[in-house]
């Protein structure tokens, strides 16, 4: 479980750095929504 939390925190911090490079709030929200949908598709859907 510690490795999973560490992995999540690593990518969370990477996302924060990426977020500083984006031009405005709309683009940040759009990227966040796309990443949440991609994560759901990859980890929660059964195929």
N, C-alpha and C. Protein backbone atom coordinates (compact mmCIF):
# COMPACT_ATOMS: atom_id res chain seq x y z
N UNK A 1 0.82 -1.19 0.00
CA UNK A 1 0.00 0.00 0.00
C UNK A 1 0.88 1.27 0.00
N UNK A 2 2.01 1.21 0.69
CA UNK A 2 2.90 2.37 0.73
C UNK A 2 3.43 2.70 -0.65
N UNK A 3 3.69 1.67 -1.45
CA UNK A 3 4.20 1.91 -2.80
C UNK A 3 3.13 2.55 -3.68
N UNK A 4 1.88 2.14 -3.51
CA UNK A 4 0.78 2.71 -4.30
C UNK A 4 0.60 4.18 -3.94
N UNK A 5 0.63 4.50 -2.66
CA UNK A 5 0.49 5.89 -2.22
C UNK A 5 1.67 6.72 -2.73
N UNK A 6 2.87 6.17 -2.65
CA UNK A 6 4.04 6.87 -3.17
C UNK A 6 3.94 7.11 -4.66
N UNK A 7 3.46 6.13 -5.39
CA UNK A 7 3.28 6.27 -6.84
C UNK A 7 2.27 7.37 -7.15
N UNK A 8 1.16 7.37 -6.41
CA UNK A 8 0.15 8.41 -6.61
C UNK A 8 0.66 9.79 -6.28
N UNK A 9 1.40 9.92 -5.19
CA UNK A 9 1.95 11.23 -4.82
C UNK A 9 2.98 11.71 -5.83
N UNK A 10 3.77 10.80 -6.38
CA UNK A 10 4.74 11.17 -7.40
C UNK A 10 4.04 11.78 -8.60
N UNK A 11 3.02 11.13 -9.09
CA UNK A 11 2.32 11.64 -10.27
C UNK A 11 1.48 12.87 -9.95
N UNK A 12 0.99 12.97 -8.73
CA UNK A 12 0.28 14.18 -8.31
C UNK A 12 1.22 15.38 -8.36
N UNK A 13 2.45 15.21 -7.87
CA UNK A 13 3.40 16.31 -7.91
C UNK A 13 3.81 16.63 -9.34
N UNK A 14 3.93 15.60 -10.18
CA UNK A 14 4.22 15.84 -11.59
C UNK A 14 3.11 16.62 -12.26
N UNK A 15 1.88 16.33 -11.91
CA UNK A 15 0.74 17.06 -12.44
C UNK A 15 0.72 18.51 -11.99
N UNK A 16 1.15 18.77 -10.77
CA UNK A 16 1.21 20.14 -10.29
C UNK A 16 2.25 20.95 -11.06
N UNK A 17 3.38 20.32 -11.36
CA UNK A 17 4.41 21.00 -12.15
C UNK A 17 3.89 21.26 -13.56
N UNK A 18 3.23 20.27 -14.15
CA UNK A 18 2.65 20.42 -15.49
C UNK A 18 1.60 21.53 -15.49
N UNK A 19 0.83 21.61 -14.41
CA UNK A 19 -0.23 22.61 -14.29
C UNK A 19 0.33 24.04 -14.29
N UNK A 20 1.53 24.22 -13.77
CA UNK A 20 2.14 25.55 -13.75
C UNK A 20 2.49 26.03 -15.16
N UNK A 21 2.63 25.11 -16.10
CA UNK A 21 3.01 25.47 -17.46
C UNK A 21 1.82 25.81 -18.36
N UNK A 22 0.61 25.49 -17.92
CA UNK A 22 -0.57 25.73 -18.73
C UNK A 22 -1.00 27.19 -18.66
N UNK A 23 -1.59 27.70 -19.75
CA UNK A 23 -1.86 29.14 -19.84
C UNK A 23 -3.01 29.66 -18.97
N UNK A 24 -4.10 28.89 -18.82
CA UNK A 24 -5.23 29.44 -18.06
C UNK A 24 -6.02 28.33 -17.38
N UNK A 25 -7.00 28.75 -16.59
CA UNK A 25 -7.78 27.82 -15.77
C UNK A 25 -8.61 26.86 -16.62
N UNK A 26 -9.16 27.32 -17.73
CA UNK A 26 -9.98 26.45 -18.57
C UNK A 26 -9.17 25.26 -19.09
N UNK A 27 -7.96 25.52 -19.53
CA UNK A 27 -7.11 24.44 -20.05
C UNK A 27 -6.76 23.47 -18.92
N UNK A 28 -6.52 23.98 -17.72
CA UNK A 28 -6.21 23.12 -16.58
C UNK A 28 -7.39 22.20 -16.26
N UNK A 29 -8.59 22.75 -16.24
CA UNK A 29 -9.79 21.96 -15.94
C UNK A 29 -10.03 20.93 -17.05
N UNK A 30 -9.85 21.32 -18.29
CA UNK A 30 -10.02 20.40 -19.41
C UNK A 30 -9.04 19.24 -19.33
N UNK A 31 -7.78 19.52 -19.05
CA UNK A 31 -6.77 18.46 -18.91
C UNK A 31 -7.10 17.54 -17.74
N UNK A 32 -7.50 18.11 -16.62
CA UNK A 32 -7.85 17.30 -15.45
C UNK A 32 -9.01 16.37 -15.76
N UNK A 33 -10.04 16.87 -16.44
CA UNK A 33 -11.18 16.05 -16.80
C UNK A 33 -10.78 14.92 -17.75
N UNK A 34 -9.95 15.23 -18.73
CA UNK A 34 -9.50 14.20 -19.66
C UNK A 34 -8.67 13.13 -18.95
N UNK A 35 -7.83 13.53 -18.02
CA UNK A 35 -7.01 12.56 -17.30
C UNK A 35 -7.85 11.69 -16.37
N UNK A 36 -8.88 12.26 -15.76
CA UNK A 36 -9.78 11.47 -14.91
C UNK A 36 -10.52 10.45 -15.75
N UNK A 37 -11.00 10.84 -16.91
CA UNK A 37 -11.68 9.90 -17.80
C UNK A 37 -10.74 8.80 -18.28
N UNK A 38 -9.51 9.16 -18.60
CA UNK A 38 -8.53 8.16 -19.03
C UNK A 38 -8.22 7.19 -17.90
N UNK A 39 -8.06 7.71 -16.68
CA UNK A 39 -7.78 6.85 -15.53
C UNK A 39 -8.94 5.89 -15.28
N UNK A 40 -10.16 6.38 -15.37
CA UNK A 40 -11.32 5.52 -15.18
C UNK A 40 -11.35 4.41 -16.24
N UNK A 41 -11.09 4.78 -17.46
CA UNK A 41 -11.11 3.82 -18.56
C UNK A 41 -10.02 2.75 -18.37
N UNK A 42 -8.86 3.18 -17.93
CA UNK A 42 -7.75 2.23 -17.78
C UNK A 42 -7.87 1.33 -16.56
N UNK A 43 -8.35 1.85 -15.44
CA UNK A 43 -8.30 1.11 -14.19
C UNK A 43 -9.63 0.53 -13.74
N UNK A 44 -10.76 1.07 -14.19
CA UNK A 44 -12.04 0.65 -13.65
C UNK A 44 -12.90 -0.14 -14.63
N UNK A 45 -12.69 0.00 -15.89
CA UNK A 45 -13.53 -0.69 -16.86
C UNK A 45 -13.07 -2.13 -17.02
N UNK A 46 -14.04 -3.02 -17.14
CA UNK A 46 -13.72 -4.43 -17.31
C UNK A 46 -13.90 -4.81 -18.76
N UNK A 47 -12.81 -5.16 -19.39
CA UNK A 47 -12.86 -5.61 -20.78
C UNK A 47 -12.10 -6.88 -20.93
